[in-house]
PDB file of N, CA and C in Angstrom:
ATOM      1  N   MET A   1    -140.184 -42.320-103.860  1.00  0.00           N
ATOM      2  CA  MET A   1    -139.596 -41.474-104.595  1.00  0.00           C
ATOM      3  C   MET A   1    -140.062 -41.148-105.854  1.00  0.00           C
ATOM      4  N   PRO A   2    -140.836 -40.143-106.958  1.00  0.00           N
ATOM      5  CA  PRO A   2    -141.232 -40.044-107.824  1.00  0.00           C
ATOM      6  C   PRO A   2    -140.007 -40.486-109.065  1.00  0.00           C
ATOM      7  N   ILE A   3    -140.425 -40.400-110.037  1.00  0.00           N
ATOM      8  CA  ILE A   3    -139.797 -40.995-111.118  1.00  0.00           C
ATOM      9  C   ILE A   3    -139.187 -40.017-111.771  1.00  0.00           C
ATOM     10  N   ARG A   4    -137.942 -39.632-112.054  1.00  0.00           N
ATOM     11  CA  ARG A   4    -137.219 -38.357-112.701  1.00  0.00           C
ATOM     12  C   ARG A   4    -137.562 -38.914-114.102  1.00  0.00           C
ATOM     13  N   LEU A   5    -137.681 -37.945-114.728  1.00  0.00           N
ATOM     14  CA  LEU A   5    -138.618 -37.915-116.405  1.00  0.00           C
ATOM     15  C   LEU A   5    -137.386 -36.872-117.010  1.00  0.00           C
ATOM     16  N   LEU A   6    -137.338 -36.843-117.968  1.00  0.00           N
ATOM     17  CA  LEU A   6    -136.462 -36.127-119.354  1.00  0.00           C
ATOM     18  C   LEU A   6    -137.626 -36.405-120.134  1.00  0.00           C
ATOM     19  N   VAL A   7    -138.131 -34.852-120.846  1.00  0.00           N
ATOM     20  CA  VAL A   7    -138.681 -35.036-121.691  1.00  0.00           C
ATOM     21  C   VAL A   7    -138.175 -33.892-122.924  1.00  0.00           C
ATOM     22  N   VAL A   8    -138.546 -34.644-124.205  1.00  0.00           N
ATOM     23  CA  VAL A   8    -137.971 -34.524-125.222  1.00  0.00           C
ATOM     24  C   VAL A   8    -139.141 -34.135-126.403  1.00  0.00           C
ATOM     25  N   ASP A   9    -139.273 -33.176-127.141  1.00  0.00           N
ATOM     26  CA  ASP A   9    -140.077 -32.956-128.250  1.00  0.00           C
ATOM     27  C   ASP A   9    -139.626 -31.496-128.777  1.00  0.00           C
ATOM     28  N   ASP A  10    -139.885 -31.337-130.156  1.00  0.00           N
ATOM     29  CA  ASP A  10    -138.754 -30.547-131.043  1.00  0.00           C
ATOM     30  C   ASP A  10    -140.357 -29.159-131.102  1.00  0.00           C
ATOM     31  N   HIS A  11    -141.409 -29.562-130.559  1.00  0.00           N
ATOM     32  CA  HIS A  11    -142.322 -28.886-130.397  1.00  0.00           C
ATOM     33  C   HIS A  11    -142.393 -28.164-129.176  1.00  0.00           C
ATOM     34  N   GLN A  12    -141.527 -26.508-129.104  1.00  0.00           N
ATOM     35  CA  GLN A  12    -141.821 -26.131-127.725  1.00  0.00           C
ATOM     36  C   GLN A  12    -143.296 -26.417-127.128  1.00  0.00           C
ATOM     37  N   LEU A  13    -144.380 -26.632-127.546  1.00  0.00           N
ATOM     38  CA  LEU A  13    -145.770 -26.065-127.487  1.00  0.00           C
ATOM     39  C   LEU A  13    -146.085 -27.435-126.396  1.00  0.00           C
ATOM     40  N   VAL A  14    -145.409 -28.779-127.175  1.00  0.00           N
ATOM     41  CA  VAL A  14    -146.068 -30.170-126.940  1.00  0.00           C
ATOM     42  C   VAL A  14    -145.003 -30.339-125.268  1.00  0.00           C
ATOM     43  N   ARG A  15    -143.777 -29.930-126.260  1.00  0.00           N
ATOM     44  CA  ARG A  15    -142.639 -29.806-124.686  1.00  0.00           C
ATOM     45  C   ARG A  15    -142.963 -29.946-123.586  1.00  0.00           C
ATOM     46  N   ASP A  16    -143.416 -28.100-123.342  1.00  0.00           N
ATOM     47  CA  ASP A  16    -143.469 -26.995-122.402  1.00  0.00           C
ATOM     48  C   ASP A  16    -145.130 -28.206-121.553  1.00  0.00           C
ATOM     49  N   THR A  17    -145.998 -28.480-122.605  1.00  0.00           N
ATOM     50  CA  THR A  17    -147.291 -28.715-121.809  1.00  0.00           C
ATOM     51  C   THR A  17    -147.152 -30.165-121.154  1.00  0.00           C
ATOM     52  N   LEU A  18    -146.107 -31.339-122.147  1.00  0.00           N
ATOM     53  CA  LEU A  18    -145.980 -32.353-121.260  1.00  0.00           C
ATOM     54  C   LEU A  18    -145.349 -32.105-119.956  1.00  0.00           C
ATOM     55  N   ALA A  19    -144.229 -31.596-119.942  1.00  0.00           N
ATOM     56  CA  ALA A  19    -143.442 -31.429-119.119  1.00  0.00           C
ATOM     57  C   ALA A  19    -144.470 -30.853-117.481  1.00  0.00           C
ATOM     58  N   THR A  20    -145.299 -29.939-117.821  1.00  0.00           N
ATOM     59  CA  THR A  20    -146.041 -29.337-116.641  1.00  0.00           C
ATOM     60  C   THR A  20    -147.266 -30.469-116.194  1.00  0.00           C
ATOM     61  N   VAL A  21    -147.861 -30.524-117.442  1.00  0.00           N
ATOM     62  CA  VAL A  21    -148.920 -31.766-116.634  1.00  0.00           C
ATOM     63  C   VAL A  21    -148.187 -33.276-116.270  1.00  0.00           C
ATOM     64  N   LEU A  22    -147.248 -33.391-116.760  1.00  0.00           N
ATOM     65  CA  LEU A  22    -146.445 -34.521-116.061  1.00  0.00           C
ATOM     66  C   LEU A  22    -145.825 -34.385-114.594  1.00  0.00           C
ATOM     67  N   ASP A  23    -145.591 -33.292-114.419  1.00  0.00           N
ATOM     68  CA  ASP A  23    -144.831 -32.684-113.197  1.00  0.00           C
ATOM     69  C   ASP A  23    -145.741 -32.343-111.934  1.00  0.00           C
ATOM     70  N   ALA A  24    -147.118 -32.295-112.642  1.00  0.00           N
ATOM     71  CA  ALA A  24    -147.948 -32.103-111.430  1.00  0.00           C
ATOM     72  C   ALA A  24    -148.115 -33.271-110.987  1.00  0.00           C
ATOM     73  N   SER A  25    -148.111 -34.643-111.739  1.00  0.00           N
ATOM     74  CA  SER A  25    -148.567 -35.984-110.705  1.00  0.00           C
ATOM     75  C   SER A  25    -147.472 -35.888-109.791  1.00  0.00           C
ATOM     76  N   ALA A  26    -147.950 -36.635-108.669  1.00  0.00           N
ATOM     77  CA  ALA A  26    -146.753 -36.914-107.441  1.00  0.00           C
ATOM     78  C   ALA A  26    -145.480 -37.974-107.638  1.00  0.00           C
ATOM     79  N   LEU A  27    -145.964 -38.455-108.811  1.00  0.00           N
ATOM     80  CA  LEU A  27    -145.135 -40.236-109.231  1.00  0.00           C
ATOM     81  C   LEU A  27    -144.312 -39.587-110.276  1.00  0.00           C
ATOM     82  N   VAL A  28    -144.128 -37.943-111.019  1.00  0.00           N
ATOM     83  CA  VAL A  28    -143.226 -37.860-111.858  1.00  0.00           C
ATOM     84  C   VAL A  28    -142.568 -36.609-111.217  1.00  0.00           C
ATOM     85  N   ASP A  29    -141.273 -36.767-111.464  1.00  0.00           N
ATOM     86  CA  ASP A  29    -140.634 -34.777-111.088  1.00  0.00           C
ATOM     87  C   ASP A  29    -140.113 -34.882-112.803  1.00  0.00           C
ATOM     88  N   VAL A  30    -140.116 -33.883-113.146  1.00  0.00           N
ATOM     89  CA  VAL A  30    -139.849 -33.635-114.775  1.00  0.00           C
ATOM     90  C   VAL A  30    -138.128 -32.818-113.996  1.00  0.00           C
ATOM     91  N   VAL A  31    -136.947 -33.503-114.539  1.00  0.00           N
ATOM     92  CA  VAL A  31    -135.548 -32.772-114.172  1.00  0.00           C
ATOM     93  C   VAL A  31    -135.326 -32.017-115.411  1.00  0.00           C
ATOM     94  N   GLY A  32    -136.230 -32.333-116.390  1.00  0.00           N
ATOM     95  CA  GLY A  32    -135.216 -31.461-117.795  1.00  0.00           C
ATOM     96  C   GLY A  32    -136.235 -31.667-118.865  1.00  0.00           C
ATOM     97  N   VAL A  33    -136.053 -30.578-119.846  1.00  0.00           N
ATOM     98  CA  VAL A  33    -136.456 -31.111-121.291  1.00  0.00           C
ATOM     99  C   VAL A  33    -135.545 -30.710-122.483  1.00  0.00           C
ATOM    100  N   ALA A  34    -135.694 -31.352-123.501  1.00  0.00           N
ATOM    101  CA  ALA A  34    -134.595 -30.602-124.558  1.00  0.00           C
ATOM    102  C   ALA A  34    -135.497 -30.796-125.772  1.00  0.00           C
ATOM    103  N   CYS A  35    -134.813 -30.352-126.845  1.00  0.00           N
ATOM    104  CA  CYS A  35    -135.735 -29.887-127.843  1.00  0.00           C
ATOM    105  C   CYS A  35    -135.086 -30.757-129.327  1.00  0.00           C
ATOM    106  N   ASP A  36    -134.121 -31.549-128.924  1.00  0.00           N
ATOM    107  CA  ASP A  36    -133.480 -32.534-130.270  1.00  0.00           C
ATOM    108  C   ASP A  36    -132.980 -33.805-129.462  1.00  0.00           C
ATOM    109  N   GLY A  37    -132.849 -35.043-130.529  1.00  0.00           N
ATOM    110  CA  GLY A  37    -132.252 -35.969-129.781  1.00  0.00           C
ATOM    111  C   GLY A  37    -130.533 -35.751-129.605  1.00  0.00           C
ATOM    112  N   ALA A  38    -129.720 -34.747-130.026  1.00  0.00           N
ATOM    113  CA  ALA A  38    -128.894 -34.186-129.599  1.00  0.00           C
ATOM    114  C   ALA A  38    -128.572 -34.031-127.956  1.00  0.00           C
ATOM    115  N   GLU A  39    -129.536 -33.060-127.995  1.00  0.00           N
ATOM    116  CA  GLU A  39    -129.332 -32.464-126.566  1.00  0.00           C
ATOM    117  C   GLU A  39    -130.654 -33.318-125.416  1.00  0.00           C
ATOM    118  N   ALA A  40    -130.983 -34.308-126.135  1.00  0.00           N
ATOM    119  CA  ALA A  40    -131.825 -35.117-125.121  1.00  0.00           C
ATOM    120  C   ALA A  40    -130.849 -36.292-124.348  1.00  0.00           C
ATOM    121  N   VAL A  41    -129.753 -36.434-125.138  1.00  0.00           N
ATOM    122  CA  VAL A  41    -128.679 -37.585-124.960  1.00  0.00           C
ATOM    123  C   VAL A  41    -127.638 -36.849-123.812  1.00  0.00           C
ATOM    124  N   ALA A  42    -127.227 -35.593-124.290  1.00  0.00           N
ATOM    125  CA  ALA A  42    -126.430 -35.071-123.205  1.00  0.00           C
ATOM    126  C   ALA A  42    -126.912 -34.301-121.744  1.00  0.00           C
ATOM    127  N   ALA A  43    -128.402 -34.051-122.101  1.00  0.00           N
ATOM    128  CA  ALA A  43    -129.471 -33.702-120.721  1.00  0.00           C
ATOM    129  C   ALA A  43    -129.895 -35.282-120.181  1.00  0.00           C
ATOM    130  N   ALA A  44    -129.886 -36.248-120.386  1.00  0.00           N
ATOM    131  CA  ALA A  44    -129.534 -37.461-119.853  1.00  0.00           C
ATOM    132  C   ALA A  44    -128.667 -37.612-118.954  1.00  0.00           C
ATOM    133  N   LEU A  45    -127.212 -37.067-119.750  1.00  0.00           N
ATOM    134  CA  LEU A  45    -125.795 -37.764-118.741  1.00  0.00           C
ATOM    135  C   LEU A  45    -125.532 -36.674-117.781  1.00  0.00           C
ATOM    136  N   ARG A  46    -126.187 -35.303-118.293  1.00  0.00           N
ATOM    137  CA  ARG A  46    -126.242 -34.119-116.771  1.00  0.00           C
ATOM    138  C   ARG A  46    -127.036 -34.351-115.909  1.00  0.00           C
ATOM    139  N   LEU A  47    -128.097 -35.133-116.247  1.00  0.00           N
ATOM    140  CA  LEU A  47    -129.369 -34.633-114.846  1.00  0.00           C
ATOM    141  C   LEU A  47    -129.490 -36.302-114.735  1.00  0.00           C
ATOM    142  N   ALA A  48    -129.258 -37.627-115.179  1.00  0.00           N
ATOM    143  CA  ALA A  48    -129.402 -38.808-114.833  1.00  0.00           C
ATOM    144  C   ALA A  48    -131.468 -39.266-114.663  1.00  0.00           C
ATOM    145  N   PRO A  49    -131.528 -39.491-115.666  1.00  0.00           N
ATOM    146  CA  PRO A  49    -133.073 -39.522-115.245  1.00  0.00           C
ATOM    147  C   PRO A  49    -133.341 -40.643-115.664  1.00  0.00           C
ATOM    148  N   ASP A  50    -134.551 -41.145-115.095  1.00  0.00           N
ATOM    149  CA  ASP A  50    -135.154 -43.018-114.607  1.00  0.00           C
ATOM    150  C   ASP A  50    -135.133 -43.378-116.343  1.00  0.00           C
ATOM    151  N   VAL A  51    -136.537 -42.182-116.437  1.00  0.00           N
ATOM    152  CA  VAL A  51    -137.221 -42.319-118.406  1.00  0.00           C
ATOM    153  C   VAL A  51    -137.478 -41.192-119.030  1.00  0.00           C
ATOM    154  N   VAL A  52    -136.808 -40.992-120.237  1.00  0.00           N
ATOM    155  CA  VAL A  52    -137.208 -39.847-120.768  1.00  0.00           C
ATOM    156  C   VAL A  52    -138.125 -40.474-121.817  1.00  0.00           C
ATOM    157  N   LEU A  53    -139.383 -39.241-121.965  1.00  0.00           N
ATOM    158  CA  LEU A  53    -140.255 -39.219-122.616  1.00  0.00           C
ATOM    159  C   LEU A  53    -139.650 -38.475-124.354  1.00  0.00           C
ATOM    160  N   MET A  54    -139.368 -39.828-125.415  1.00  0.00           N
ATOM    161  CA  MET A  54    -138.908 -38.948-126.277  1.00  0.00           C
ATOM    162  C   MET A  54    -139.735 -38.964-127.966  1.00  0.00           C
ATOM    163  N   ASP A  55    -140.322 -38.306-128.169  1.00  0.00           N
ATOM    164  CA  ASP A  55    -140.448 -37.624-129.612  1.00  0.00           C
ATOM    165  C   ASP A  55    -139.671 -38.462-130.407  1.00  0.00           C
ATOM    166  N   LEU A  56    -139.970 -38.884-131.983  1.00  0.00           N
ATOM    167  CA  LEU A  56    -139.325 -39.675-132.694  1.00  0.00           C
ATOM    168  C   LEU A  56    -138.828 -38.766-133.973  1.00  0.00           C
ATOM    169  N   ALA A  57    -139.563 -38.269-134.796  1.00  0.00           N
ATOM    170  CA  ALA A  57    -138.816 -36.814-135.744  1.00  0.00           C
ATOM    171  C   ALA A  57    -138.963 -35.606-135.349  1.00  0.00           C
ATOM    172  N   MET A  58    -137.009 -35.930-135.033  1.00  0.00           N
ATOM    173  CA  MET A  58    -136.700 -34.687-134.636  1.00  0.00           C
ATOM    174  C   MET A  58    -135.662 -34.196-135.203  1.00  0.00           C
ATOM    175  N   PRO A  59    -135.385 -32.377-135.606  1.00  0.00           N
ATOM    176  CA  PRO A  59    -133.865 -32.181-135.960  1.00  0.00           C
ATOM    177  C   PRO A  59    -133.087 -32.488-135.780  1.00  0.00           C
ATOM    178  N   VAL A  60    -131.891 -32.556-135.875  1.00  0.00           N
ATOM    179  CA  VAL A  60    -130.101 -32.678-135.375  1.00  0.00           C
ATOM    180  C   VAL A  60    -130.052 -34.495-135.217  1.00  0.00           C
ATOM    181  N   LEU A  61    -130.963 -34.973-134.418  1.00  0.00           N
ATOM    182  CA  LEU A  61    -130.905 -36.097-134.390  1.00  0.00           C
ATOM    183  C   LEU A  61    -132.145 -36.538-133.778  1.00  0.00           C
ATOM    184  N   ASN A  62    -132.505 -37.855-134.868  1.00  0.00           N
ATOM    185  CA  ASN A  62    -133.947 -38.327-134.358  1.00  0.00           C
ATOM    186  C   ASN A  62    -133.968 -38.879-132.830  1.00  0.00           C
ATOM    187  N   GLY A  63    -135.396 -39.365-133.069  1.00  0.00           N
ATOM    188  CA  GLY A  63    -135.649 -40.180-131.359  1.00  0.00           C
ATOM    189  C   GLY A  63    -134.900 -41.374-131.644  1.00  0.00           C
ATOM    190  N   ALA A  64    -135.157 -42.557-132.682  1.00  0.00           N
ATOM    191  CA  ALA A  64    -134.433 -44.330-132.844  1.00  0.00           C
ATOM    192  C   ALA A  64    -132.783 -43.385-132.192  1.00  0.00           C
ATOM    193  N   GLU A  65    -132.029 -42.828-132.927  1.00  0.00           N
ATOM    194  CA  GLU A  65    -131.059 -42.919-132.977  1.00  0.00           C
ATOM    195  C   GLU A  65    -130.417 -42.266-130.999  1.00  0.00           C
ATOM    196  N   ALA A  66    -130.825 -41.209-131.246  1.00  0.00           N
ATOM    197  CA  ALA A  66    -131.004 -40.284-129.461  1.00  0.00           C
ATOM    198  C   ALA A  66    -131.275 -42.207-128.602  1.00  0.00           C
ATOM    199  N   THR A  67    -132.486 -42.507-128.658  1.00  0.00           N
ATOM    200  CA  THR A  67    -132.314 -43.287-128.270  1.00  0.00           C
ATOM    201  C   THR A  67    -131.528 -44.653-127.596  1.00  0.00           C
ATOM    202  N   ARG A  68    -131.087 -45.094-129.275  1.00  0.00           N
ATOM    203  CA  ARG A  68    -129.700 -46.100-129.429  1.00  0.00           C
ATOM    204  C   ARG A  68    -128.711 -45.184-128.343  1.00  0.00           C
ATOM    205  N   ARG A  69    -128.049 -44.022-128.605  1.00  0.00           N
ATOM    206  CA  ARG A  69    -127.184 -43.474-128.110  1.00  0.00           C
ATOM    207  C   ARG A  69    -126.819 -42.923-126.889  1.00  0.00           C
ATOM    208  N   LEU A  70    -128.420 -42.958-126.340  1.00  0.00           N
ATOM    209  CA  LEU A  70    -128.941 -42.542-124.731  1.00  0.00           C
ATOM    210  C   LEU A  70    -128.245 -44.232-124.042  1.00  0.00           C
ATOM    211  N   LEU A  71    -128.591 -44.976-124.441  1.00  0.00           N
ATOM    212  CA  LEU A  71    -129.026 -46.380-123.940  1.00  0.00           C
ATOM    213  C   LEU A  71    -127.445 -46.914-123.763  1.00  0.00           C
ATOM    214  N   VAL A  72    -126.351 -46.696-125.100  1.00  0.00           N
ATOM    215  CA  VAL A  72    -125.021 -46.782-124.666  1.00  0.00           C
ATOM    216  C   VAL A  72    -124.527 -46.284-123.416  1.00  0.00           C
ATOM    217  N   LEU A  73    -125.030 -45.068-123.178  1.00  0.00           N
ATOM    218  CA  LEU A  73    -124.234 -44.556-122.570  1.00  0.00           C
ATOM    219  C   LEU A  73    -125.089 -44.629-120.921  1.00  0.00           C
ATOM    220  N   ARG A  74    -126.118 -44.966-120.849  1.00  0.00           N
ATOM    221  CA  ARG A  74    -126.552 -44.988-119.448  1.00  0.00           C
ATOM    222  C   ARG A  74    -127.720 -45.891-119.441  1.00  0.00           C
ATOM    223  N   PRO A  75    -127.444 -47.464-119.556  1.00  0.00           N
ATOM    224  CA  PRO A  75    -128.367 -48.547-120.035  1.00  0.00           C
ATOM    225  C   PRO A  75    -129.298 -48.825-119.152  1.00  0.00           C
ATOM    226  N   GLY A  76    -129.074 -47.665-117.812  1.00  0.00           N
ATOM    227  CA  GLY A  76    -130.114 -48.682-116.723  1.00  0.00           C
ATOM    228  C   GLY A  76    -131.421 -47.423-117.210  1.00  0.00           C
ATOM    229  N   THR A  77    -131.393 -45.929-117.985  1.00  0.00           N
ATOM    230  CA  THR A  77    -132.617 -45.579-118.366  1.00  0.00           C
ATOM    231  C   THR A  77    -133.487 -46.236-119.376  1.00  0.00           C
ATOM    232  N   ARG A  78    -134.830 -45.824-119.248  1.00  0.00           N
ATOM    233  CA  ARG A  78    -136.037 -46.615-119.944  1.00  0.00           C
ATOM    234  C   ARG A  78    -135.702 -45.197-120.667  1.00  0.00           C
ATOM    235  N   VAL A  79    -136.797 -45.732-121.943  1.00  0.00           N
ATOM    236  CA  VAL A  79    -137.025 -44.545-122.891  1.00  0.00           C
ATOM    237  C   VAL A  79    -138.745 -45.184-123.460  1.00  0.00           C
ATOM    238  N   VAL A  80    -139.474 -44.121-123.272  1.00  0.00           N
ATOM    239  CA  VAL A  80    -140.856 -44.453-123.733  1.00  0.00           C
ATOM    240  C   VAL A  80    -140.943 -43.372-125.187  1.00  0.00           C
ATOM    241  N   VAL A  81    -140.989 -43.860-126.497  1.00  0.00           N
ATOM    242  CA  VAL A  81    -141.086 -43.330-127.224  1.00  0.00           C
ATOM    243  C   VAL A  81    -142.628 -42.739-127.431  1.00  0.00           C
ATOM    244  N   LEU A  82    -142.765 -40.923-128.156  1.00  0.00           N
ATOM    245  CA  LEU A  82    -144.083 -40.322-128.304  1.00  0.00           C
ATOM    246  C   LEU A  82    -144.439 -40.166-129.619  1.00  0.00           C
ATOM    247  N   THR A  83    -144.690 -40.500-130.618  1.00  0.00           N
ATOM    248  CA  THR A  83    -144.853 -40.199-132.137  1.00  0.00           C
ATOM    249  C   THR A  83    -146.004 -40.113-132.637  1.00  0.00           C
ATOM    250  N   SER A  84    -145.829 -39.120-133.668  1.00  0.00           N
ATOM    251  CA  SER A  84    -147.306 -38.694-134.052  1.00  0.00           C
ATOM    252  C   SER A  84    -147.396 -40.015-135.686  1.00  0.00           C
ATOM    253  N   ALA A  85    -146.111 -40.465-136.076  1.00  0.00           N
ATOM    254  CA  ALA A  85    -146.438 -41.534-137.239  1.00  0.00           C
ATOM    255  C   ALA A  85    -146.759 -42.681-136.248  1.00  0.00           C
ATOM    256  N   VAL A  86    -147.652 -43.646-136.844  1.00  0.00           N
ATOM    257  CA  VAL A  86    -148.309 -45.331-136.726  1.00  0.00           C
ATOM    258  C   VAL A  86    -147.390 -45.990-137.610  1.00  0.00           C
ATOM    259  N   GLY A  87    -147.218 -46.990-137.111  1.00  0.00           N
ATOM    260  CA  GLY A  87    -146.109 -47.759-137.998  1.00  0.00           C
ATOM    261  C   GLY A  87    -144.945 -47.756-138.876  1.00  0.00           C
ATOM    262  N   GLY A  88    -144.428 -46.430-138.418  1.00  0.00           N
ATOM    263  CA  GLY A  88    -143.061 -46.264-139.363  1.00  0.00           C
ATOM    264  C   GLY A  88    -141.829 -46.878-139.044  1.00  0.00           C
ATOM    265  N   ARG A  89    -140.888 -46.568-139.881  1.00  0.00           N
ATOM    266  CA  ARG A  89    -139.678 -47.176-139.892  1.00  0.00           C
ATOM    267  C   ARG A  89    -138.878 -46.630-138.578  1.00  0.00           C
ATOM    268  N   LEU A  90    -139.061 -45.393-138.256  1.00  0.00           N
ATOM    269  CA  LEU A  90    -138.333 -45.098-137.366  1.00  0.00           C
ATOM    270  C   LEU A  90    -139.317 -45.664-135.999  1.00  0.00           C
ATOM    271  N   GLU A  91    -140.010 -45.403-135.891  1.00  0.00           N
ATOM    272  CA  GLU A  91    -140.782 -46.657-134.787  1.00  0.00           C
ATOM    273  C   GLU A  91    -140.208 -47.457-134.657  1.00  0.00           C
ATOM    274  N   GLN A  92    -139.914 -48.655-135.464  1.00  0.00           N
ATOM    275  CA  GLN A  92    -139.048 -49.971-135.321  1.00  0.00           C
ATOM    276  C   GLN A  92    -138.264 -49.962-134.954  1.00  0.00           C
ATOM    277  N   ALA A  93    -137.320 -48.801-135.629  1.00  0.00           N
ATOM    278  CA  ALA A  93    -136.068 -48.996-134.904  1.00  0.00           C
ATOM    279  C   ALA A  93    -135.825 -48.400-133.510  1.00  0.00           C
ATOM    280  N   ALA A  94    -136.497 -47.345-132.845  1.00  0.00           N
ATOM    281  CA  ALA A  94    -136.716 -47.305-131.662  1.00  0.00           C
ATOM    282  C   ALA A  94    -136.540 -48.316-130.953  1.00  0.00           C
ATOM    283  N   LEU A  95    -137.366 -49.215-131.648  1.00  0.00           N
ATOM    284  CA  LEU A  95    -137.696 -50.079-130.210  1.00  0.00           C
ATOM    285  C   LEU A  95    -136.633 -51.301-130.756  1.00  0.00           C
ATOM    286  N   ASP A  96    -135.841 -51.431-131.842  1.00  0.00           N
ATOM    287  CA  ASP A  96    -134.644 -51.843-132.069  1.00  0.00           C
ATOM    288  C   ASP A  96    -133.699 -51.215-131.130  1.00  0.00           C
ATOM    289  N   ALA A  97    -133.479 -50.291-131.170  1.00  0.00           N
ATOM    290  CA  ALA A  97    -133.004 -49.354-130.284  1.00  0.00           C
ATOM    291  C   ALA A  97    -132.584 -49.231-128.681  1.00  0.00           C
ATOM    292  N   GLY A  98    -134.002 -49.619-128.345  1.00  0.00           N
ATOM    293  CA  GLY A  98    -133.879 -50.492-126.714  1.00  0.00           C
ATOM    294  C   GLY A  98    -135.022 -49.686-126.332  1.00  0.00           C
ATOM    295  N   ALA A  99    -136.086 -48.935-126.626  1.00  0.00           N
ATOM    296  CA  ALA A  99    -137.277 -48.083-126.388  1.00  0.00           C
ATOM    297  C   ALA A  99    -137.937 -49.121-125.946  1.00  0.00           C
ATOM    298  N   SER A 100    -138.380 -48.681-124.476  1.00  0.00           N
ATOM    299  CA  SER A 100    -139.212 -49.299-123.798  1.00  0.00           C
ATOM    300  C   SER A 100    -140.733 -49.875-124.504  1.00  0.00           C
ATOM    301  N   THR A 101    -141.030 -48.534-125.298  1.00  0.00           N
ATOM    302  CA  THR A 101    -142.488 -48.698-125.586  1.00  0.00           C
ATOM    303  C   THR A 101    -142.706 -47.659-126.259  1.00  0.00           C
ATOM    304  N   VAL A 102    -143.843 -47.178-127.102  1.00  0.00           N
ATOM    305  CA  VAL A 102    -144.172 -46.657-128.366  1.00  0.00           C
ATOM    306  C   VAL A 102    -145.388 -46.250-127.930  1.00  0.00           C
ATOM    307  N   LEU A 103    -145.876 -44.728-127.608  1.00  0.00           N
ATOM    308  CA  LEU A 103    -146.994 -44.487-127.783  1.00  0.00           C
ATOM    309  C   LEU A 103    -147.720 -43.084-128.665  1.00  0.00           C
ATOM    310  N   HIS A 104    -148.642 -43.410-129.143  1.00  0.00           N
ATOM    311  CA  HIS A 104    -148.672 -42.198-129.782  1.00  0.00           C
ATOM    312  C   HIS A 104    -149.028 -41.248-130.009  1.00  0.00           C
ATOM    313  N   LYS A 105    -149.637 -40.069-130.440  1.00  0.00           N
ATOM    314  CA  LYS A 105    -149.848 -39.027-129.618  1.00  0.00           C
ATOM    315  C   LYS A 105    -150.821 -38.028-129.670  1.00  0.00           C
ATOM    316  N   ASP A 106    -152.173 -39.207-129.710  1.00  0.00           N
ATOM    317  CA  ASP A 106    -153.254 -39.090-130.001  1.00  0.00           C
ATOM    318  C   ASP A 106    -153.454 -39.902-128.159  1.00  0.00           C
ATOM    319  N   ALA A 107    -152.555 -40.368-127.520  1.00  0.00           N
ATOM    320  CA  ALA A 107    -152.680 -41.009-126.596  1.00  0.00           C
ATOM    321  C   ALA A 107    -153.326 -39.729-125.155  1.00  0.00           C
ATOM    322  N   GLY A 108    -153.826 -40.224-124.608  1.00  0.00           N
ATOM    323  CA  GLY A 108    -154.962 -39.298-123.564  1.00  0.00           C
ATOM    324  C   GLY A 108    -153.226 -39.242-122.465  1.00  0.00           C
ATOM    325  N   ILE A 109    -152.802 -38.061-121.719  1.00  0.00           N
ATOM    326  CA  ILE A 109    -152.320 -38.234-120.364  1.00  0.00           C
ATOM    327  C   ILE A 109    -152.296 -38.784-119.525  1.00  0.00           C
ATOM    328  N   ASP A 110    -153.108 -40.001-119.477  1.00  0.00           N
ATOM    329  CA  ASP A 110    -152.815 -40.798-118.234  1.00  0.00           C
ATOM    330  C   ASP A 110    -152.286 -42.031-118.701  1.00  0.00           C
ATOM    331  N   GLU A 111    -152.274 -42.128-120.234  1.00  0.00           N
ATOM    332  CA  GLU A 111    -151.989 -43.425-120.735  1.00  0.00           C
ATOM    333  C   GLU A 111    -150.449 -43.106-121.055  1.00  0.00           C
ATOM    334  N   VAL A 112    -150.019 -41.769-120.825  1.00  0.00           N
ATOM    335  CA  VAL A 112    -148.672 -41.583-121.365  1.00  0.00           C
ATOM    336  C   VAL A 112    -147.723 -41.761-119.373  1.00  0.00           C
ATOM    337  N   LEU A 113    -148.885 -41.292-118.240  1.00  0.00           N
ATOM    338  CA  LEU A 113    -148.438 -41.602-117.191  1.00  0.00           C
ATOM    339  C   LEU A 113    -148.530 -42.917-116.938  1.00  0.00           C
ATOM    340  N   ASP A 114    -149.010 -43.440-117.299  1.00  0.00           N
ATOM    341  CA  ASP A 114    -149.066 -45.635-117.078  1.00  0.00           C
ATOM    342  C   ASP A 114    -148.056 -45.948-117.779  1.00  0.00           C
ATOM    343  N   ALA A 115    -147.904 -45.354-118.929  1.00  0.00           N
ATOM    344  CA  ALA A 115    -146.118 -46.126-119.751  1.00  0.00           C
ATOM    345  C   ALA A 115    -145.211 -45.671-119.023  1.00  0.00           C
ATOM    346  N   ILE A 116    -145.338 -44.385-118.371  1.00  0.00           N
ATOM    347  CA  ILE A 116    -143.951 -43.835-117.691  1.00  0.00           C
ATOM    348  C   ILE A 116    -143.704 -44.528-116.438  1.00  0.00           C
ATOM    349  N   VAL A 117    -144.663 -44.941-115.815  1.00  0.00           N
ATOM    350  CA  VAL A 117    -144.598 -45.626-114.701  1.00  0.00           C
ATOM    351  C   VAL A 117    -144.450 -47.511-114.913  1.00  0.00           C
ATOM    352  N   THR A 118    -144.780 -47.776-115.418  1.00  0.00           N
ATOM    353  CA  THR A 118    -144.926 -48.991-116.164  1.00  0.00           C
ATOM    354  C   THR A 118    -143.377 -49.645-116.478  1.00  0.00           C
ATOM    355  N   VAL A 119    -142.495 -49.243-117.064  1.00  0.00           N
ATOM    356  CA  VAL A 119    -141.594 -48.978-117.296  1.00  0.00           C
ATOM    357  C   VAL A 119    -140.270 -48.534-116.683  1.00  0.00           C
ATOM    358  N   ALA A 120    -140.766 -47.041-115.407  1.00  0.00           N
ATOM    359  CA  ALA A 120    -139.408 -47.419-114.957  1.00  0.00           C
ATOM    360  C   ALA A 120    -138.618 -48.018-113.621  1.00  0.00           C
ATOM    361  N   PRO A 121    -137.709 -48.023-113.305  1.00  0.00           N
ATOM    362  CA  PRO A 121    -136.835 -48.735-112.984  1.00  0.00           C
ATOM    363  C   PRO A 121    -137.313 -48.802-111.549  1.00  0.00           C
ATOM    364  N   ARG A 122    -137.234 -50.079-111.093  1.00  0.00           N
ATOM    365  CA  ARG A 122    -137.617 -50.254-109.568  1.00  0.00           C
ATOM    366  C   ARG A 122    -136.504 -50.096-108.599  1.00  0.00           C
ATOM    367  N   ALA A 123    -136.581 -49.237-107.742  1.00  0.00           N
ATOM    368  CA  ALA A 123    -135.875 -49.078-106.793  1.00  0.00           C
ATOM    369  C   ALA A 123    -135.133 -50.218-105.903  1.00  0.00           C
TER     370      ALA A 123
END
């Protein structure tokens, strides 16, 4: 059974590209996308993903706070943070909020897919 994935990024090109490429994998079923942290929390409640691929720096609600709120409401969900910031306060805040791992946006798609598979809850 494929991993149900929600892709969250405020840049449409990044969001759509990640969703398209990851959905092409037999391991992942992209169940939705969101453009900010608030939309991510609402979408996660509605779509029940196994894993959320979460951008960190976003308007409305950043990825660290969205991770915290999401995991209070859906504690079984795993969050993989994707960021262009290296070693910033938000990165540590996301880990403190319960993110499973942090990847930098210069990671290859294989590394992103591997992180999603690694953190996904086992059935």
